[in-house]
């Protein structure tokens, strides 16, 4: 499930869930909505997965 992967990412990075939502999905309530049962569209899920997969790479590049 996407929310489990997001929760793990948040624990590992220490990123606030609202910041994650703004950066990954352009919606600061995204994680809160997922926690309440929202199902993301497939393209949103792909964008969020891509964000999590590339976050460490972009942080290390700076």
PDB file of N, CA and C in Angstrom:
ATOM      1  N   UNK A   1       0.824  -1.189   0.000  1.00  0.00           N
ATOM      2  CA  UNK A   1       0.000   0.000   0.000  1.00  0.00           C
ATOM      3  C   UNK A   1       0.872   1.257   0.000  1.00  0.00           C
ATOM      4  N   UNK A   2       0.416   2.238  -0.711  1.00  0.00           N
ATOM      5  CA  UNK A   2       1.166   3.479  -0.834  1.00  0.00           C
ATOM      6  C   UNK A   2       1.355   4.162   0.515  1.00  0.00           C
ATOM      7  N   UNK A   3       0.328   4.203   1.345  1.00  0.00           N
ATOM      8  CA  UNK A   3       0.442   4.922   2.612  1.00  0.00           C
ATOM      9  C   UNK A   3       1.516   4.299   3.502  1.00  0.00           C
ATOM     10  N   UNK A   4       1.677   2.997   3.474  1.00  0.00           N
ATOM     11  CA  UNK A   4       2.730   2.350   4.273  1.00  0.00           C
ATOM     12  C   UNK A   4       4.111   2.774   3.796  1.00  0.00           C
ATOM     13  N   UNK A   5       4.292   2.839   2.483  1.00  0.00           N
ATOM     14  CA  UNK A   5       5.584   3.270   1.942  1.00  0.00           C
ATOM     15  C   UNK A   5       5.846   4.737   2.282  1.00  0.00           C
ATOM     16  N   UNK A   6       4.802   5.548   2.242  1.00  0.00           N
ATOM     17  CA  UNK A   6       4.951   6.964   2.589  1.00  0.00           C
ATOM     18  C   UNK A   6       5.303   7.107   4.069  1.00  0.00           C
ATOM     19  N   UNK A   7       4.616   6.384   4.936  1.00  0.00           N
ATOM     20  CA  UNK A   7       4.898   6.469   6.373  1.00  0.00           C
ATOM     21  C   UNK A   7       6.344   6.065   6.669  1.00  0.00           C
ATOM     22  N   UNK A   8       6.827   5.036   6.002  1.00  0.00           N
ATOM     23  CA  UNK A   8       8.217   4.605   6.178  1.00  0.00           C
ATOM     24  C   UNK A   8       9.162   5.705   5.700  1.00  0.00           C
ATOM     25  N   UNK A   9       8.869   6.299   4.553  1.00  0.00           N
ATOM     26  CA  UNK A   9       9.676   7.387   4.009  1.00  0.00           C
ATOM     27  C   UNK A   9       9.714   8.562   4.992  1.00  0.00           C
ATOM     28  N   UNK A  10       8.571   8.907   5.558  1.00  0.00           N
ATOM     29  CA  UNK A  10       8.506  10.020   6.505  1.00  0.00           C
ATOM     30  C   UNK A  10       9.342   9.735   7.747  1.00  0.00           C
ATOM     31  N   UNK A  11       9.288   8.505   8.252  1.00  0.00           N
ATOM     32  CA  UNK A  11      10.113   8.137   9.415  1.00  0.00           C
ATOM     33  C   UNK A  11      11.597   8.220   9.085  1.00  0.00           C
ATOM     34  N   UNK A  12      11.974   7.726   7.915  1.00  0.00           N
ATOM     35  CA  UNK A  12      13.384   7.693   7.537  1.00  0.00           C
ATOM     36  C   UNK A  12      13.952   9.083   7.292  1.00  0.00           C
ATOM     37  N   UNK A  13      13.153   9.965   6.732  1.00  0.00           N
ATOM     38  CA  UNK A  13      13.649  11.295   6.378  1.00  0.00           C
ATOM     39  C   UNK A  13      13.357  12.347   7.433  1.00  0.00           C
ATOM     40  N   UNK A  14      12.397  12.089   8.309  1.00  0.00           N
ATOM     41  CA  UNK A  14      11.993  13.085   9.284  1.00  0.00           C
ATOM     42  C   UNK A  14      11.198  14.235   8.673  1.00  0.00           C
ATOM     43  N   UNK A  15      10.712  14.047   7.477  1.00  0.00           N
ATOM     44  CA  UNK A  15       9.960  15.085   6.776  1.00  0.00           C
ATOM     45  C   UNK A  15       8.539  15.164   7.331  1.00  0.00           C
ATOM     46  N   UNK A  16       8.042  16.369   7.587  1.00  0.00           N
ATOM     47  CA  UNK A  16       6.641  16.506   8.003  1.00  0.00           C
ATOM     48  C   UNK A  16       5.695  16.056   6.890  1.00  0.00           C
ATOM     49  N   UNK A  17       4.569  15.495   7.277  1.00  0.00           N
ATOM     50  CA  UNK A  17       3.657  14.940   6.269  1.00  0.00           C
ATOM     51  C   UNK A  17       3.062  16.012   5.376  1.00  0.00           C
ATOM     52  N   UNK A  18       2.898  17.219   5.883  1.00  0.00           N
ATOM     53  CA  UNK A  18       2.349  18.280   5.036  1.00  0.00           C
ATOM     54  C   UNK A  18       3.371  18.724   3.983  1.00  0.00           C
ATOM     55  N   UNK A  19       4.641  18.754   4.370  1.00  0.00           N
ATOM     56  CA  UNK A  19       5.679  19.110   3.394  1.00  0.00           C
ATOM     57  C   UNK A  19       5.775  18.035   2.316  1.00  0.00           C
ATOM     58  N   UNK A  20       5.708  16.777   2.738  1.00  0.00           N
ATOM     59  CA  UNK A  20       5.730  15.685   1.767  1.00  0.00           C
ATOM     60  C   UNK A  20       4.595  15.839   0.771  1.00  0.00           C
ATOM     61  N   UNK A  21       3.402  16.103   1.263  1.00  0.00           N
ATOM     62  CA  UNK A  21       2.254  16.265   0.380  1.00  0.00           C
ATOM     63  C   UNK A  21       2.444  17.397  -0.610  1.00  0.00           C
ATOM     64  N   UNK A  22       2.982  18.537  -0.138  1.00  0.00           N
ATOM     65  CA  UNK A  22       3.221  19.669  -1.043  1.00  0.00           C
ATOM     66  C   UNK A  22       4.243  19.314  -2.110  1.00  0.00           C
ATOM     67  N   UNK A  23       5.337  18.681  -1.716  1.00  0.00           N
ATOM     68  CA  UNK A  23       6.405  18.377  -2.667  1.00  0.00           C
ATOM     69  C   UNK A  23       6.053  17.231  -3.612  1.00  0.00           C
ATOM     70  N   UNK A  24       5.444  16.185  -3.085  1.00  0.00           N
ATOM     71  CA  UNK A  24       5.212  14.978  -3.882  1.00  0.00           C
ATOM     72  C   UNK A  24       3.911  15.011  -4.674  1.00  0.00           C
ATOM     73  N   UNK A  25       2.873  15.615  -4.111  1.00  0.00           N
ATOM     74  CA  UNK A  25       1.558  15.545  -4.752  1.00  0.00           C
ATOM     75  C   UNK A  25       0.935  16.916  -4.982  1.00  0.00           C
ATOM     76  N   UNK A  26       1.657  17.975  -4.605  1.00  0.00           N
ATOM     77  CA  UNK A  26       1.138  19.346  -4.739  1.00  0.00           C
ATOM     78  C   UNK A  26      -0.134  19.540  -3.934  1.00  0.00           C
ATOM     79  N   UNK A  27      -0.218  18.832  -2.795  1.00  0.00           N
ATOM     80  CA  UNK A  27      -1.391  18.899  -1.928  1.00  0.00           C
ATOM     81  C   UNK A  27      -0.934  18.657  -0.490  1.00  0.00           C
ATOM     82  N   UNK A  28      -0.895  19.700   0.339  1.00  0.00           N
ATOM     83  CA  UNK A  28      -0.405  19.510   1.712  1.00  0.00           C
ATOM     84  C   UNK A  28      -1.278  18.568   2.548  1.00  0.00           C
ATOM     85  N   UNK A  29      -2.505  18.309   2.144  1.00  0.00           N
ATOM     86  CA  UNK A  29      -3.386  17.396   2.875  1.00  0.00           C
ATOM     87  C   UNK A  29      -3.335  15.965   2.341  1.00  0.00           C
ATOM     88  N   UNK A  30      -2.493  15.700   1.366  1.00  0.00           N
ATOM     89  CA  UNK A  30      -2.460  14.410   0.686  1.00  0.00           C
ATOM     90  C   UNK A  30      -2.291  13.240   1.662  1.00  0.00           C
ATOM     91  N   UNK A  31      -1.289  13.307   2.539  1.00  0.00           N
ATOM     92  CA  UNK A  31      -1.028  12.197   3.462  1.00  0.00           C
ATOM     93  C   UNK A  31      -2.177  12.055   4.453  1.00  0.00           C
ATOM     94  N   UNK A  32      -2.667  13.158   4.967  1.00  0.00           N
ATOM     95  CA  UNK A  32      -3.807  13.090   5.879  1.00  0.00           C
ATOM     96  C   UNK A  32      -5.011  12.452   5.225  1.00  0.00           C
ATOM     97  N   UNK A  33      -5.247  12.804   3.976  1.00  0.00           N
ATOM     98  CA  UNK A  33      -6.364  12.200   3.244  1.00  0.00           C
ATOM     99  C   UNK A  33      -6.151  10.703   3.037  1.00  0.00           C
ATOM    100  N   UNK A  34      -4.919  10.295   2.728  1.00  0.00           N
ATOM    101  CA  UNK A  34      -4.636   8.862   2.575  1.00  0.00           C
ATOM    102  C   UNK A  34      -4.867   8.137   3.893  1.00  0.00           C
ATOM    103  N   UNK A  35      -4.440   8.756   4.996  1.00  0.00           N
ATOM    104  CA  UNK A  35      -4.645   8.147   6.314  1.00  0.00           C
ATOM    105  C   UNK A  35      -6.129   7.966   6.609  1.00  0.00           C
ATOM    106  N   UNK A  36      -6.961   8.797   6.009  1.00  0.00           N
ATOM    107  CA  UNK A  36      -8.415   8.712   6.212  1.00  0.00           C
ATOM    108  C   UNK A  36      -9.127   7.898   5.136  1.00  0.00           C
ATOM    109  N   UNK A  37      -8.364   7.184   4.299  1.00  0.00           N
ATOM    110  CA  UNK A  37      -8.974   6.270   3.346  1.00  0.00           C
ATOM    111  C   UNK A  37      -9.008   6.718   1.895  1.00  0.00           C
ATOM    112  N   UNK A  38      -8.462   7.876   1.583  1.00  0.00           N
ATOM    113  CA  UNK A  38      -8.459   8.339   0.191  1.00  0.00           C
ATOM    114  C   UNK A  38      -7.641   7.385  -0.673  1.00  0.00           C
ATOM    115  N   UNK A  39      -8.094   7.154  -1.888  1.00  0.00           N
ATOM    116  CA  UNK A  39      -7.345   6.370  -2.865  1.00  0.00           C
ATOM    117  C   UNK A  39      -6.847   7.317  -3.952  1.00  0.00           C
ATOM    118  N   UNK A  40      -5.529   7.392  -4.136  1.00  0.00           N
ATOM    119  CA  UNK A  40      -5.012   8.310  -5.156  1.00  0.00           C
ATOM    120  C   UNK A  40      -5.219   7.769  -6.558  1.00  0.00           C
ATOM    121  N   UNK A  41      -5.268   8.685  -7.510  1.00  0.00           N
ATOM    122  CA  UNK A  41      -5.330   8.274  -8.913  1.00  0.00           C
ATOM    123  C   UNK A  41      -3.996   7.616  -9.282  1.00  0.00           C
ATOM    124  N   UNK A  42      -4.003   6.736 -10.284  1.00  0.00           N
ATOM    125  CA  UNK A  42      -2.764   6.049 -10.674  1.00  0.00           C
ATOM    126  C   UNK A  42      -1.623   7.005 -11.033  1.00  0.00           C
ATOM    127  N   UNK A  43      -1.927   8.104 -11.738  1.00  0.00           N
ATOM    128  CA  UNK A  43      -0.851   9.026 -12.104  1.00  0.00           C
ATOM    129  C   UNK A  43      -0.289   9.744 -10.879  1.00  0.00           C
ATOM    130  N   UNK A  44      -1.136  10.015  -9.891  1.00  0.00           N
ATOM    131  CA  UNK A  44      -0.652  10.629  -8.648  1.00  0.00           C
ATOM    132  C   UNK A  44       0.220   9.645  -7.890  1.00  0.00           C
ATOM    133  N   UNK A  45      -0.187   8.407  -7.844  1.00  0.00           N
ATOM    134  CA  UNK A  45       0.606   7.378  -7.164  1.00  0.00           C
ATOM    135  C   UNK A  45       1.969   7.238  -7.824  1.00  0.00           C
ATOM    136  N   UNK A  46       2.008   7.254  -9.151  1.00  0.00           N
ATOM    137  CA  UNK A  46       3.300   7.168  -9.861  1.00  0.00           C
ATOM    138  C   UNK A  46       4.182   8.371  -9.544  1.00  0.00           C
ATOM    139  N   UNK A  47       3.595   9.567  -9.504  1.00  0.00           N
ATOM    140  CA  UNK A  47       4.368  10.778  -9.212  1.00  0.00           C
ATOM    141  C   UNK A  47       4.939  10.730  -7.788  1.00  0.00           C
ATOM    142  N   UNK A  48       4.134  10.257  -6.837  1.00  0.00           N
ATOM    143  CA  UNK A  48       4.577  10.149  -5.451  1.00  0.00           C
ATOM    144  C   UNK A  48       5.691   9.109  -5.326  1.00  0.00           C
ATOM    145  N   UNK A  49       5.528   7.972  -5.970  1.00  0.00           N
ATOM    146  CA  UNK A  49       6.576   6.935  -5.958  1.00  0.00           C
ATOM    147  C   UNK A  49       7.874   7.482  -6.548  1.00  0.00           C
ATOM    148  N   UNK A  50       7.759   8.199  -7.650  1.00  0.00           N
ATOM    149  CA  UNK A  50       8.944   8.785  -8.275  1.00  0.00           C
ATOM    150  C   UNK A  50       9.623   9.771  -7.325  1.00  0.00           C
ATOM    151  N   UNK A  51       8.848  10.585  -6.652  1.00  0.00           N
ATOM    152  CA  UNK A  51       9.397  11.537  -5.686  1.00  0.00           C
ATOM    153  C   UNK A  51      10.185  10.803  -4.609  1.00  0.00           C
ATOM    154  N   UNK A  52       9.599   9.758  -4.031  1.00  0.00           N
ATOM    155  CA  UNK A  52      10.282   9.024  -2.961  1.00  0.00           C
ATOM    156  C   UNK A  52      11.539   8.335  -3.467  1.00  0.00           C
ATOM    157  N   UNK A  53      11.481   7.799  -4.687  1.00  0.00           N
ATOM    158  CA  UNK A  53      12.633   7.095  -5.242  1.00  0.00           C
ATOM    159  C   UNK A  53      13.787   8.023  -5.584  1.00  0.00           C
ATOM    160  N   UNK A  54      13.496   9.258  -5.917  1.00  0.00           N
ATOM    161  CA  UNK A  54      14.547  10.185  -6.334  1.00  0.00           C
ATOM    162  C   UNK A  54      14.912  11.213  -5.265  1.00  0.00           C
ATOM    163  N   UNK A  55      14.209  11.235  -4.141  1.00  0.00           N
ATOM    164  CA  UNK A  55      14.443  12.244  -3.109  1.00  0.00           C
ATOM    165  C   UNK A  55      15.874  12.198  -2.594  1.00  0.00           C
ATOM    166  N   UNK A  56      16.360  11.029  -2.268  1.00  0.00           N
ATOM    167  CA  UNK A  56      17.728  10.903  -1.754  1.00  0.00           C
ATOM    168  C   UNK A  56      18.764  11.308  -2.771  1.00  0.00           C
ATOM    169  N   UNK A  57      18.524  10.997  -4.021  1.00  0.00           N
ATOM    170  CA  UNK A  57      19.458  11.356  -5.078  1.00  0.00           C
ATOM    171  C   UNK A  57      19.544  12.868  -5.237  1.00  0.00           C
ATOM    172  N   UNK A  58      18.405  13.552  -5.205  1.00  0.00           N
ATOM    173  CA  UNK A  58      18.421  15.000  -5.377  1.00  0.00           C
ATOM    174  C   UNK A  58      18.995  15.692  -4.149  1.00  0.00           C
ATOM    175  N   UNK A  59      18.757  15.124  -2.969  1.00  0.00           N
ATOM    176  CA  UNK A  59      19.319  15.702  -1.743  1.00  0.00           C
ATOM    177  C   UNK A  59      20.826  15.549  -1.707  1.00  0.00           C
ATOM    178  N   UNK A  60      21.336  14.437  -2.216  1.00  0.00           N
ATOM    179  CA  UNK A  60      22.787  14.209  -2.242  1.00  0.00           C
ATOM    180  C   UNK A  60      23.475  15.018  -3.318  1.00  0.00           C
ATOM    181  N   UNK A  61      22.744  15.421  -4.347  1.00  0.00           N
ATOM    182  CA  UNK A  61      23.331  16.178  -5.454  1.00  0.00           C
ATOM    183  C   UNK A  61      23.624  17.612  -5.048  1.00  0.00           C
ATOM    184  N   UNK A  62      22.909  18.113  -4.021  1.00  0.00           N
ATOM    185  CA  UNK A  62      23.089  19.511  -3.590  1.00  0.00           C
ATOM    186  C   UNK A  62      24.274  19.677  -2.677  1.00  0.00           C
TER     187      UNK A  62
END
